[in-house]
Amino acid sequence: MSSEPSAPSTNVVKSVRKNGKNWHNNKKPFRPNSGLTSYAKRVEARKQHEAIKEHEKELRDEKEAERQAHIQRIKDRRAAKEEKERYEKMAEKMHRKRVERLKRREKRNKMLSS
């Protein structure tokens, strides 16, 4: 057996309240100036808050740009598919060479108009 004495228990004993409501937590003293911070601290906190907001805005804008790019890719793909189907329909009715000629002419007109 060890000869060292056991450590005293660290249980904090609450004093008995005068009104007998011992189950309530003890109130801390009212100090109205305790929450006030200096102007420099407030300015620093505001700067940090604005920096965080700016970073969040950048992330949101980046995500929205990715979304718009995805939507544009889908629209381009659909337009190309419709054009291909249109040329296939024309090829059923006309000769292949004539369809290719029309395709080249339309491509030229598109380049001139845009």
PDB file of N, CA and C in Angstrom:
ATOM      1  N   MET A   1       0.829  -1.178   0.000  1.00  0.00           N
ATOM      2  CA  MET A   1       0.000   0.000   0.000  1.00  0.00           C
ATOM      3  C   MET A   1       0.873   1.241   0.000  1.00  0.00           C
ATOM      4  N   SER A   2       0.393   2.285  -0.686  1.00  0.00           N
ATOM      5  CA  SER A   2       1.192   3.511  -0.751  1.00  0.00           C
ATOM      6  C   SER A   2       0.950   4.359   0.484  1.00  0.00           C
ATOM      7  N   SER A   3       1.991   5.081   0.846  1.00  0.00           N
ATOM      8  CA  SER A   3       1.890   5.911   2.044  1.00  0.00           C
ATOM      9  C   SER A   3       1.408   7.319   1.720  1.00  0.00           C
ATOM     10  N   GLU A   4       1.202   7.599   0.407  1.00  0.00           N
ATOM     11  CA  GLU A   4       0.740   8.942   0.022  1.00  0.00           C
ATOM     12  C   GLU A   4      -0.748   9.084   0.346  1.00  0.00           C
ATOM     13  N   PRO A   5      -1.137  10.244   0.846  1.00  0.00           N
ATOM     14  CA  PRO A   5      -2.564  10.453   1.120  1.00  0.00           C
ATOM     15  C   PRO A   5      -3.312  10.646  -0.195  1.00  0.00           C
ATOM     16  N   SER A   6      -4.543  10.217  -0.235  1.00  0.00           N
ATOM     17  CA  SER A   6      -5.344  10.367  -1.455  1.00  0.00           C
ATOM     18  C   SER A   6      -5.649  11.845  -1.680  1.00  0.00           C
ATOM     19  N   ALA A   7      -5.794  12.204  -2.973  1.00  0.00           N
ATOM     20  CA  ALA A   7      -6.053  13.604  -3.320  1.00  0.00           C
ATOM     21  C   ALA A   7      -7.441  13.988  -2.830  1.00  0.00           C
ATOM     22  N   PRO A   8      -7.579  15.216  -2.343  1.00  0.00           N
ATOM     23  CA  PRO A   8      -8.896  15.641  -1.864  1.00  0.00           C
ATOM     24  C   PRO A   8      -9.857  15.750  -3.055  1.00  0.00           C
ATOM     25  N   SER A   9     -11.094  15.461  -2.807  1.00  0.00           N
ATOM     26  CA  SER A   9     -12.087  15.510  -3.881  1.00  0.00           C
ATOM     27  C   SER A   9     -12.267  16.952  -4.353  1.00  0.00           C
ATOM     28  N   THR A  10     -12.492  17.083  -5.645  1.00  0.00           N
ATOM     29  CA  THR A  10     -12.604  18.429  -6.224  1.00  0.00           C
ATOM     30  C   THR A  10     -14.050  18.865  -6.355  1.00  0.00           C
ATOM     31  N   ASN A  11     -14.977  18.230  -5.670  1.00  0.00           N
ATOM     32  CA  ASN A  11     -16.382  18.613  -5.735  1.00  0.00           C
ATOM     33  C   ASN A  11     -16.563  19.962  -5.060  1.00  0.00           C
ATOM     34  N   VAL A  12     -17.187  20.882  -5.789  1.00  0.00           N
ATOM     35  CA  VAL A  12     -17.436  22.201  -5.224  1.00  0.00           C
ATOM     36  C   VAL A  12     -18.747  22.117  -4.464  1.00  0.00           C
ATOM     37  N   VAL A  13     -18.706  22.497  -3.227  1.00  0.00           N
ATOM     38  CA  VAL A  13     -19.907  22.443  -2.402  1.00  0.00           C
ATOM     39  C   VAL A  13     -20.608  23.780  -2.509  1.00  0.00           C
ATOM     40  N   LYS A  14     -21.882  23.746  -2.910  1.00  0.00           N
ATOM     41  CA  LYS A  14     -22.651  24.982  -2.995  1.00  0.00           C
ATOM     42  C   LYS A  14     -23.161  25.325  -1.605  1.00  0.00           C
ATOM     43  N   SER A  15     -23.148  26.581  -1.357  1.00  0.00           N
ATOM     44  CA  SER A  15     -23.685  26.994  -0.058  1.00  0.00           C
ATOM     45  C   SER A  15     -25.205  26.928  -0.113  1.00  0.00           C
ATOM     46  N   VAL A  16     -25.806  26.838   1.021  1.00  0.00           N
ATOM     47  CA  VAL A  16     -27.257  26.747   1.095  1.00  0.00           C
ATOM     48  C   VAL A  16     -27.825  28.126   0.820  1.00  0.00           C
ATOM     49  N   ARG A  17     -28.762  28.180  -0.129  1.00  0.00           N
ATOM     50  CA  ARG A  17     -29.366  29.470  -0.465  1.00  0.00           C
ATOM     51  C   ARG A  17     -30.299  29.910   0.647  1.00  0.00           C
ATOM     52  N   LYS A  18     -30.399  31.227   0.754  1.00  0.00           N
ATOM     53  CA  LYS A  18     -31.213  31.787   1.816  1.00  0.00           C
ATOM     54  C   LYS A  18     -32.694  31.471   1.595  1.00  0.00           C
ATOM     55  N   ASN A  19     -33.129  31.509   0.306  1.00  0.00           N
ATOM     56  CA  ASN A  19     -34.546  31.273   0.037  1.00  0.00           C
ATOM     57  C   ASN A  19     -34.880  29.784  -0.075  1.00  0.00           C
ATOM     58  N   GLY A  20     -33.863  28.928  -0.026  1.00  0.00           N
ATOM     59  CA  GLY A  20     -34.118  27.496  -0.030  1.00  0.00           C
ATOM     60  C   GLY A  20     -34.235  26.865  -1.410  1.00  0.00           C
ATOM     61  N   LYS A  21     -34.115  27.632  -2.478  1.00  0.00           N
ATOM     62  CA  LYS A  21     -34.236  27.080  -3.838  1.00  0.00           C
ATOM     63  C   LYS A  21     -32.850  26.627  -4.312  1.00  0.00           C
ATOM     64  N   ASN A  22     -32.374  25.566  -3.735  1.00  0.00           N
ATOM     65  CA  ASN A  22     -31.014  25.112  -4.006  1.00  0.00           C
ATOM     66  C   ASN A  22     -30.866  24.469  -5.383  1.00  0.00           C
ATOM     67  N   TRP A  23     -31.971  24.141  -6.047  1.00  0.00           N
ATOM     68  CA  TRP A  23     -31.879  23.507  -7.362  1.00  0.00           C
ATOM     69  C   TRP A  23     -31.586  24.523  -8.480  1.00  0.00           C
ATOM     70  N   HIS A  24     -31.783  25.834  -8.198  1.00  0.00           N
ATOM     71  CA  HIS A  24     -31.464  26.871  -9.190  1.00  0.00           C
ATOM     72  C   HIS A  24     -29.968  27.118  -9.241  1.00  0.00           C
ATOM     73  N   ASN A  25     -29.489  27.533 -10.429  1.00  0.00           N
ATOM     74  CA  ASN A  25     -28.081  27.911 -10.547  1.00  0.00           C
ATOM     75  C   ASN A  25     -27.849  29.241  -9.842  1.00  0.00           C
ATOM     76  N   ASN A  26     -26.632  29.393  -9.358  1.00  0.00           N
ATOM     77  CA  ASN A  26     -26.308  30.675  -8.724  1.00  0.00           C
ATOM     78  C   ASN A  26     -26.150  31.743  -9.792  1.00  0.00           C
ATOM     79  N   LYS A  27     -26.679  32.906  -9.511  1.00  0.00           N
ATOM     80  CA  LYS A  27     -26.585  33.995 -10.468  1.00  0.00           C
ATOM     81  C   LYS A  27     -25.237  34.679 -10.316  1.00  0.00           C
ATOM     82  N   LYS A  28     -24.768  35.191 -11.454  1.00  0.00           N
ATOM     83  CA  LYS A  28     -23.520  35.944 -11.424  1.00  0.00           C
ATOM     84  C   LYS A  28     -23.875  37.407 -11.213  1.00  0.00           C
ATOM     85  N   PRO A  29     -22.957  38.191 -10.687  1.00  0.00           N
ATOM     86  CA  PRO A  29     -23.267  39.604 -10.450  1.00  0.00           C
ATOM     87  C   PRO A  29     -23.511  40.354 -11.759  1.00  0.00           C
ATOM     88  N   PHE A  30     -24.402  41.331 -11.731  1.00  0.00           N
ATOM     89  CA  PHE A  30     -24.758  42.129 -12.907  1.00  0.00           C
ATOM     90  C   PHE A  30     -23.664  43.152 -13.167  1.00  0.00           C
ATOM     91  N   ARG A  31     -23.035  43.006 -14.344  1.00  0.00           N
ATOM     92  CA  ARG A  31     -21.981  43.957 -14.712  1.00  0.00           C
ATOM     93  C   ARG A  31     -22.284  44.442 -16.136  1.00  0.00           C
ATOM     94  N   PRO A  32     -22.938  45.583 -16.290  1.00  0.00           N
ATOM     95  CA  PRO A  32     -23.380  46.035 -17.604  1.00  0.00           C
ATOM     96  C   PRO A  32     -22.229  46.366 -18.566  1.00  0.00           C
ATOM     97  N   ASN A  33     -21.057  46.707 -18.083  1.00  0.00           N
ATOM     98  CA  ASN A  33     -19.946  47.089 -18.967  1.00  0.00           C
ATOM     99  C   ASN A  33     -19.087  45.904 -19.377  1.00  0.00           C
ATOM    100  N   SER A  34     -19.429  44.689 -18.913  1.00  0.00           N
ATOM    101  CA  SER A  34     -18.559  43.540 -19.171  1.00  0.00           C
ATOM    102  C   SER A  34     -18.559  43.128 -20.637  1.00  0.00           C
ATOM    103  N   GLY A  35     -19.658  43.362 -21.375  1.00  0.00           N
ATOM    104  CA  GLY A  35     -19.740  42.926 -22.758  1.00  0.00           C
ATOM    105  C   GLY A  35     -19.192  43.924 -23.759  1.00  0.00           C
ATOM    106  N   LEU A  36     -18.834  45.113 -23.307  1.00  0.00           N
ATOM    107  CA  LEU A  36     -18.365  46.144 -24.220  1.00  0.00           C
ATOM    108  C   LEU A  36     -16.936  45.855 -24.660  1.00  0.00           C
ATOM    109  N   THR A  37     -16.664  46.131 -25.930  1.00  0.00           N
ATOM    110  CA  THR A  37     -15.314  45.930 -26.453  1.00  0.00           C
ATOM    111  C   THR A  37     -14.775  47.262 -26.955  1.00  0.00           C
ATOM    112  N   SER A  38     -13.490  47.322 -27.118  1.00  0.00           N
ATOM    113  CA  SER A  38     -12.879  48.561 -27.579  1.00  0.00           C
ATOM    114  C   SER A  38     -13.185  48.767 -29.059  1.00  0.00           C
ATOM    115  N   TYR A  39     -13.034  50.000 -29.522  1.00  0.00           N
ATOM    116  CA  TYR A  39     -13.309  50.333 -30.912  1.00  0.00           C
ATOM    117  C   TYR A  39     -12.396  49.550 -31.849  1.00  0.00           C
ATOM    118  N   ALA A  40     -11.125  49.415 -31.471  1.00  0.00           N
ATOM    119  CA  ALA A  40     -10.171  48.696 -32.320  1.00  0.00           C
ATOM    120  C   ALA A  40     -10.599  47.242 -32.504  1.00  0.00           C
ATOM    121  N   LYS A  41     -11.065  46.614 -31.423  1.00  0.00           N
ATOM    122  CA  LYS A  41     -11.508  45.217 -31.522  1.00  0.00           C
ATOM    123  C   LYS A  41     -12.734  45.109 -32.413  1.00  0.00           C
ATOM    124  N   ARG A  42     -13.651  46.063 -32.284  1.00  0.00           N
ATOM    125  CA  ARG A  42     -14.859  46.029 -33.119  1.00  0.00           C
ATOM    126  C   ARG A  42     -14.511  46.204 -34.586  1.00  0.00           C
ATOM    127  N   VAL A  43     -13.584  47.121 -34.881  1.00  0.00           N
ATOM    128  CA  VAL A  43     -13.172  47.342 -36.271  1.00  0.00           C
ATOM    129  C   VAL A  43     -12.519  46.079 -36.819  1.00  0.00           C
ATOM    130  N   GLU A  44     -11.667  45.451 -36.030  1.00  0.00           N
ATOM    131  CA  GLU A  44     -10.996  44.217 -36.464  1.00  0.00           C
ATOM    132  C   GLU A  44     -12.023  43.115 -36.726  1.00  0.00           C
ATOM    133  N   ALA A  45     -12.991  42.975 -35.827  1.00  0.00           N
ATOM    134  CA  ALA A  45     -14.027  41.950 -36.003  1.00  0.00           C
ATOM    135  C   ALA A  45     -14.844  42.239 -37.262  1.00  0.00           C
ATOM    136  N   ARG A  46     -15.150  43.514 -37.501  1.00  0.00           N
ATOM    137  CA  ARG A  46     -15.915  43.886 -38.691  1.00  0.00           C
ATOM    138  C   ARG A  46     -15.131  43.562 -39.960  1.00  0.00           C
ATOM    139  N   LYS A  47     -13.825  43.832 -39.951  1.00  0.00           N
ATOM    140  CA  LYS A  47     -12.980  43.514 -41.112  1.00  0.00           C
ATOM    141  C   LYS A  47     -12.992  42.012 -41.393  1.00  0.00           C
ATOM    142  N   GLN A  48     -12.849  41.227 -40.336  1.00  0.00           N
ATOM    143  CA  GLN A  48     -12.860  39.773 -40.509  1.00  0.00           C
ATOM    144  C   GLN A  48     -14.199  39.311 -41.067  1.00  0.00           C
ATOM    145  N   HIS A  49     -15.275  39.876 -40.528  1.00  0.00           N
ATOM    146  CA  HIS A  49     -16.612  39.502 -40.985  1.00  0.00           C
ATOM    147  C   HIS A  49     -16.788  39.844 -42.466  1.00  0.00           C
ATOM    148  N   GLU A  50     -16.340  41.014 -42.876  1.00  0.00           N
ATOM    149  CA  GLU A  50     -16.457  41.426 -44.276  1.00  0.00           C
ATOM    150  C   GLU A  50     -15.597  40.547 -45.181  1.00  0.00           C
ATOM    151  N   ALA A  51     -14.404  40.169 -44.700  1.00  0.00           N
ATOM    152  CA  ALA A  51     -13.539  39.293 -45.494  1.00  0.00           C
ATOM    153  C   ALA A  51     -14.198  37.933 -45.698  1.00  0.00           C
ATOM    154  N   ILE A  52     -14.830  37.417 -44.652  1.00  0.00           N
ATOM    155  CA  ILE A  52     -15.526  36.127 -44.756  1.00  0.00           C
ATOM    156  C   ILE A  52     -16.678  36.241 -45.746  1.00  0.00           C
ATOM    157  N   LYS A  53     -17.445  37.337 -45.646  1.00  0.00           N
ATOM    158  CA  LYS A  53     -18.570  37.536 -46.565  1.00  0.00           C
ATOM    159  C   LYS A  53     -18.088  37.629 -48.006  1.00  0.00           C
ATOM    160  N   GLU A  54     -16.976  38.331 -48.243  1.00  0.00           N
ATOM    161  CA  GLU A  54     -16.432  38.464 -49.597  1.00  0.00           C
ATOM    162  C   GLU A  54     -16.018  37.107 -50.149  1.00  0.00           C
ATOM    163  N   HIS A  55     -15.373  36.302 -49.295  1.00  0.00           N
ATOM    164  CA  HIS A  55     -14.939  34.959 -49.716  1.00  0.00           C
ATOM    165  C   HIS A  55     -16.148  34.093 -50.063  1.00  0.00           C
ATOM    166  N   GLU A  56     -17.187  34.152 -49.228  1.00  0.00           N
ATOM    167  CA  GLU A  56     -18.407  33.378 -49.500  1.00  0.00           C
ATOM    168  C   GLU A  56     -19.043  33.818 -50.814  1.00  0.00           C
ATOM    169  N   LYS A  57     -19.038  35.144 -51.067  1.00  0.00           N
ATOM    170  CA  LYS A  57     -19.612  35.666 -52.309  1.00  0.00           C
ATOM    171  C   LYS A  57     -18.827  35.150 -53.514  1.00  0.00           C
ATOM    172  N   GLU A  58     -17.497  35.130 -53.410  1.00  0.00           N
ATOM    173  CA  GLU A  58     -16.667  34.603 -54.495  1.00  0.00           C
ATOM    174  C   GLU A  58     -17.003  33.139 -54.769  1.00  0.00           C
ATOM    175  N   LEU A  59     -17.142  32.358 -53.700  1.00  0.00           N
ATOM    176  CA  LEU A  59     -17.472  30.939 -53.874  1.00  0.00           C
ATOM    177  C   LEU A  59     -18.834  30.768 -54.542  1.00  0.00           C
ATOM    178  N   ARG A  60     -19.820  31.582 -54.107  1.00  0.00           N
ATOM    179  CA  ARG A  60     -21.155  31.501 -54.707  1.00  0.00           C
ATOM    180  C   ARG A  60     -21.111  31.874 -56.182  1.00  0.00           C
ATOM    181  N   ASP A  61     -20.366  32.944 -56.506  1.00  0.00           N
ATOM    182  CA  ASP A  61     -20.269  33.377 -57.902  1.00  0.00           C
ATOM    183  C   ASP A  61     -19.602  32.310 -58.755  1.00  0.00           C
ATOM    184  N   GLU A  62     -18.547  31.690 -58.198  1.00  0.00           N
ATOM    185  CA  GLU A  62     -17.840  30.632 -58.931  1.00  0.00           C
ATOM    186  C   GLU A  62     -18.774  29.458 -59.209  1.00  0.00           C
ATOM    187  N   LYS A  63     -19.547  29.086 -58.196  1.00  0.00           N
ATOM    188  CA  LYS A  63     -20.478  27.969 -58.352  1.00  0.00           C
ATOM    189  C   LYS A  63     -21.552  28.306 -59.392  1.00  0.00           C
ATOM    190  N   GLU A  64     -22.043  29.551 -59.358  1.00  0.00           N
ATOM    191  CA  GLU A  64     -23.064  29.974 -60.320  1.00  0.00           C
ATOM    192  C   GLU A  64     -22.489  29.988 -61.735  1.00  0.00           C
ATOM    193  N   ALA A  65     -21.222  30.403 -61.881  1.00  0.00           N
ATOM    194  CA  ALA A  65     -20.594  30.416 -63.204  1.00  0.00           C
ATOM    195  C   ALA A  65     -20.461  28.991 -63.748  1.00  0.00           C
ATOM    196  N   GLU A  66     -20.087  28.057 -62.888  1.00  0.00           N
ATOM    197  CA  GLU A  66     -20.000  26.653 -63.306  1.00  0.00           C
ATOM    198  C   GLU A  66     -21.369  26.145 -63.753  1.00  0.00           C
ATOM    199  N   ARG A  67     -22.391  26.524 -63.006  1.00  0.00           N
ATOM    200  CA  ARG A  67     -23.752  26.092 -63.318  1.00  0.00           C
ATOM    201  C   ARG A  67     -24.185  26.646 -64.682  1.00  0.00           C
ATOM    202  N   GLN A  68     -23.919  27.942 -64.894  1.00  0.00           N
ATOM    203  CA  GLN A  68     -24.288  28.564 -66.160  1.00  0.00           C
ATOM    204  C   GLN A  68     -23.529  27.937 -67.334  1.00  0.00           C
ATOM    205  N   ALA A  69     -22.244  27.606 -67.115  1.00  0.00           N
ATOM    206  CA  ALA A  69     -21.451  26.962 -68.162  1.00  0.00           C
ATOM    207  C   ALA A  69     -22.041  25.598 -68.508  1.00  0.00           C
ATOM    208  N   HIS A  70     -22.469  24.870 -67.481  1.00  0.00           N
ATOM    209  CA  HIS A  70     -23.083  23.558 -67.690  1.00  0.00           C
ATOM    210  C   HIS A  70     -24.368  23.701 -68.498  1.00  0.00           C
ATOM    211  N   ILE A  71     -25.182  24.682 -68.131  1.00  0.00           N
ATOM    212  CA  ILE A  71     -26.438  24.919 -68.841  1.00  0.00           C
ATOM    213  C   ILE A  71     -26.157  25.272 -70.304  1.00  0.00           C
ATOM    214  N   GLN A  72     -25.136  26.113 -70.528  1.00  0.00           N
ATOM    215  CA  GLN A  72     -24.794  26.511 -71.895  1.00  0.00           C
ATOM    216  C   GLN A  72     -24.326  25.318 -72.722  1.00  0.00           C
ATOM    217  N   ARG A  73     -23.542  24.422 -72.095  1.00  0.00           N
ATOM    218  CA  ARG A  73     -23.092  23.218 -72.807  1.00  0.00           C
ATOM    219  C   ARG A  73     -24.285  22.375 -73.230  1.00  0.00           C
ATOM    220  N   ILE A  74     -25.253  22.233 -72.329  1.00  0.00           N
ATOM    221  CA  ILE A  74     -26.454  21.443 -72.644  1.00  0.00           C
ATOM    222  C   ILE A  74     -27.210  22.079 -73.812  1.00  0.00           C
ATOM    223  N   LYS A  75     -27.367  23.422 -73.783  1.00  0.00           N
ATOM    224  CA  LYS A  75     -28.090  24.113 -74.852  1.00  0.00           C
ATOM    225  C   LYS A  75     -27.371  23.952 -76.181  1.00  0.00           C
ATOM    226  N   ASP A  76     -26.032  24.090 -76.160  1.00  0.00           N
ATOM    227  CA  ASP A  76     -25.262  23.940 -77.396  1.00  0.00           C
ATOM    228  C   ASP A  76     -25.409  22.536 -77.964  1.00  0.00           C
ATOM    229  N   ARG A  77     -25.338  21.544 -77.064  1.00  0.00           N
ATOM    230  CA  ARG A  77     -25.468  20.151 -77.507  1.00  0.00           C
ATOM    231  C   ARG A  77     -26.839  19.908 -78.145  1.00  0.00           C
ATOM    232  N   ARG A  78     -27.879  20.448 -77.517  1.00  0.00           N
ATOM    233  CA  ARG A  78     -29.228  20.269 -78.055  1.00  0.00           C
ATOM    234  C   ARG A  78     -29.376  20.942 -79.415  1.00  0.00           C
ATOM    235  N   ALA A  79     -28.811  22.154 -79.538  1.00  0.00           N
ATOM    236  CA  ALA A  79     -28.906  22.876 -80.814  1.00  0.00           C
ATOM    237  C   ALA A  79     -28.180  22.106 -81.912  1.00  0.00           C
ATOM    238  N   ALA A  80     -27.002  21.563 -81.594  1.00  0.00           N
ATOM    239  CA  ALA A  80     -26.244  20.797 -82.589  1.00  0.00           C
ATOM    240  C   ALA A  80     -27.031  19.549 -83.001  1.00  0.00           C
ATOM    241  N   LYS A  81     -27.682  18.916 -82.024  1.00  0.00           N
ATOM    242  CA  LYS A  81     -28.456  17.717 -82.319  1.00  0.00           C
ATOM    243  C   LYS A  81     -29.638  18.046 -83.230  1.00  0.00           C
ATOM    244  N   GLU A  82     -30.330  19.165 -82.928  1.00  0.00           N
ATOM    245  CA  GLU A  82     -31.465  19.559 -83.767  1.00  0.00           C
ATOM    246  C   GLU A  82     -31.015  19.880 -85.188  1.00  0.00           C
ATOM    247  N   GLU A  83     -29.878  20.570 -85.311  1.00  0.00           N
ATOM    248  CA  GLU A  83     -29.368  20.916 -86.635  1.00  0.00           C
ATOM    249  C   GLU A  83     -29.006  19.659 -87.421  1.00  0.00           C
ATOM    250  N   LYS A  84     -28.378  18.720 -86.722  1.00  0.00           N
ATOM    251  CA  LYS A  84     -28.012  17.464 -87.381  1.00  0.00           C
ATOM    252  C   LYS A  84     -29.258  16.729 -87.870  1.00  0.00           C
ATOM    253  N   GLU A  85     -30.291  16.687 -87.039  1.00  0.00           N
ATOM    254  CA  GLU A  85     -31.538  16.032 -87.435  1.00  0.00           C
ATOM    255  C   GLU A  85     -32.176  16.736 -88.628  1.00  0.00           C
ATOM    256  N   ARG A  86     -32.087  18.065 -88.636  1.00  0.00           N
ATOM    257  CA  ARG A  86     -32.666  18.835 -89.740  1.00  0.00           C
ATOM    258  C   ARG A  86     -31.950  18.501 -91.053  1.00  0.00           C
ATOM    259  N   TYR A  87     -30.618  18.425 -91.002  1.00  0.00           N
ATOM    260  CA  TYR A  87     -29.861  18.091 -92.204  1.00  0.00           C
ATOM    261  C   TYR A  87     -30.139  16.654 -92.657  1.00  0.00           C
ATOM    262  N   GLU A  88     -30.340  15.750 -91.684  1.00  0.00           N
ATOM    263  CA  GLU A  88     -30.671  14.371 -92.043  1.00  0.00           C
ATOM    264  C   GLU A  88     -32.014  14.302 -92.770  1.00  0.00           C
ATOM    265  N   LYS A  89     -32.984  15.104 -92.294  1.00  0.00           N
ATOM    266  CA  LYS A  89     -34.289  15.150 -92.956  1.00  0.00           C
ATOM    267  C   LYS A  89     -34.160  15.687 -94.372  1.00  0.00           C
ATOM    268  N   MET A  90     -33.316  16.732 -94.501  1.00  0.00           N
ATOM    269  CA  MET A  90     -33.109  17.301 -95.831  1.00  0.00           C
ATOM    270  C   MET A  90     -32.435  16.279 -96.743  1.00  0.00           C
ATOM    271  N   ALA A  91     -31.509  15.497 -96.202  1.00  0.00           N
ATOM    272  CA  ALA A  91     -30.778  14.511 -96.998  1.00  0.00           C
ATOM    273  C   ALA A  91     -31.716  13.419 -97.523  1.00  0.00           C
ATOM    274  N   GLU A  92     -32.785  13.139 -96.780  1.00  0.00           N
ATOM    275  CA  GLU A  92     -33.756  12.152 -97.253  1.00  0.00           C
ATOM    276  C   GLU A  92     -34.430  12.621 -98.540  1.00  0.00           C
ATOM    277  N   LYS A  93     -34.683  13.936 -98.627  1.00  0.00           N
ATOM    278  CA  LYS A  93     -35.419  14.480 -99.762  1.00  0.00           C
ATOM    279  C   LYS A  93     -34.487  14.858-100.916  1.00  0.00           C
ATOM    280  N   MET A  94     -33.280  15.394-100.564  1.00  0.00           N
ATOM    281  CA  MET A  94     -32.381  15.916-101.593  1.00  0.00           C
ATOM    282  C   MET A  94     -31.134  15.050-101.718  1.00  0.00           C
ATOM    283  N   HIS A  95     -30.323  15.442-102.670  1.00  0.00           N
ATOM    284  CA  HIS A  95     -29.049  14.759-102.873  1.00  0.00           C
ATOM    285  C   HIS A  95     -28.057  15.189-101.798  1.00  0.00           C
ATOM    286  N   ARG A  96     -27.147  14.293-101.454  1.00  0.00           N
ATOM    287  CA  ARG A  96     -26.167  14.533-100.388  1.00  0.00           C
ATOM    288  C   ARG A  96     -25.300  15.751-100.674  1.00  0.00           C
ATOM    289  N   LYS A  97     -24.844  15.904-101.917  1.00  0.00           N
ATOM    290  CA  LYS A  97     -23.967  17.022-102.286  1.00  0.00           C
ATOM    291  C   LYS A  97     -24.673  18.360-102.096  1.00  0.00           C
ATOM    292  N   ARG A  98     -25.942  18.400-102.446  1.00  0.00           N
ATOM    293  CA  ARG A  98     -26.698  19.649-102.315  1.00  0.00           C
ATOM    294  C   ARG A  98     -26.851  20.021-100.842  1.00  0.00           C
ATOM    295  N   VAL A  99     -27.092  19.030 -99.994  1.00  0.00           N
ATOM    296  CA  VAL A  99     -27.224  19.273 -98.553  1.00  0.00           C
ATOM    297  C   VAL A  99     -25.915  19.833 -98.002  1.00  0.00           C
ATOM    298  N   GLU A 100     -24.783  19.273 -98.430  1.00  0.00           N
ATOM    299  CA  GLU A 100     -23.491  19.775 -97.962  1.00  0.00           C
ATOM    300  C   GLU A 100     -23.264  21.209 -98.417  1.00  0.00           C
ATOM    301  N   ARG A 101     -23.691  21.527 -99.648  1.00  0.00           N
ATOM    302  CA  ARG A 101     -23.565  22.893-100.154  1.00  0.00           C
ATOM    303  C   ARG A 101     -24.395  23.861 -99.309  1.00  0.00           C
ATOM    304  N   LEU A 102     -25.627  23.472 -98.989  1.00  0.00           N
ATOM    305  CA  LEU A 102     -26.502  24.309 -98.153  1.00  0.00           C
ATOM    306  C   LEU A 102     -25.901  24.505 -96.754  1.00  0.00           C
ATOM    307  N   LYS A 103     -25.313  23.444 -96.252  1.00  0.00           N
ATOM    308  CA  LYS A 103     -24.688  23.496 -94.932  1.00  0.00           C
ATOM    309  C   LYS A 103     -23.567  24.536 -94.916  1.00  0.00           C
ATOM    310  N   ARG A 104     -22.716  24.493 -95.943  1.00  0.00           N
ATOM    311  CA  ARG A 104     -21.609  25.451 -96.029  1.00  0.00           C
ATOM    312  C   ARG A 104     -22.130  26.881 -96.140  1.00  0.00           C
ATOM    313  N   ARG A 105     -23.177  27.052 -96.960  1.00  0.00           N
ATOM    314  CA  ARG A 105     -23.747  28.386 -97.160  1.00  0.00           C
ATOM    315  C   ARG A 105     -24.332  28.922 -95.844  1.00  0.00           C
ATOM    316  N   GLU A 106     -25.055  28.058 -95.114  1.00  0.00           N
ATOM    317  CA  GLU A 106     -25.637  28.479 -93.830  1.00  0.00           C
ATOM    318  C   GLU A 106     -24.550  28.827 -92.827  1.00  0.00           C
ATOM    319  N   LYS A 107     -23.477  28.056 -92.842  1.00  0.00           N
ATOM    320  CA  LYS A 107     -22.371  28.330 -91.918  1.00  0.00           C
ATOM    321  C   LYS A 107     -21.764  29.701 -92.215  1.00  0.00           C
ATOM    322  N   ARG A 108     -21.622  30.022 -93.524  1.00  0.00           N
ATOM    323  CA  ARG A 108     -21.099  31.320 -93.927  1.00  0.00           C
ATOM    324  C   ARG A 108     -22.015  32.442 -93.426  1.00  0.00           C
ATOM    325  N   ASN A 109     -23.330  32.252 -93.613  1.00  0.00           N
ATOM    326  CA  ASN A 109     -24.292  33.268 -93.184  1.00  0.00           C
ATOM    327  C   ASN A 109     -24.266  33.459 -91.669  1.00  0.00           C
ATOM    328  N   LYS A 110     -24.098  32.363 -90.938  1.00  0.00           N
ATOM    329  CA  LYS A 110     -24.005  32.462 -89.474  1.00  0.00           C
ATOM    330  C   LYS A 110     -22.793  33.287 -89.074  1.00  0.00           C
ATOM    331  N   MET A 111     -21.659  33.061 -89.748  1.00  0.00           N
ATOM    332  CA  MET A 111     -20.436  33.796 -89.421  1.00  0.00           C
ATOM    333  C   MET A 111     -20.601  35.278 -89.709  1.00  0.00           C
ATOM    334  N   LEU A 112     -21.300  35.599 -90.795  1.00  0.00           N
ATOM    335  CA  LEU A 112     -21.511  37.008 -91.164  1.00  0.00           C
ATOM    336  C   LEU A 112     -22.455  37.701 -90.197  1.00  0.00           C
ATOM    337  N   SER A 113     -23.485  37.001 -89.742  1.00  0.00           N
ATOM    338  CA  SER A 113     -24.489  37.619 -88.879  1.00  0.00           C
ATOM    339  C   SER A 113     -23.990  37.797 -87.446  1.00  0.00           C
ATOM    340  N   SER A 114     -23.109  36.934 -86.965  1.00  0.00           N
ATOM    341  CA  SER A 114     -22.676  37.073 -85.575  1.00  0.00           C
ATOM    342  C   SER A 114     -21.386  37.826 -85.441  1.00  0.00           C
TER     343      SER A 114
END
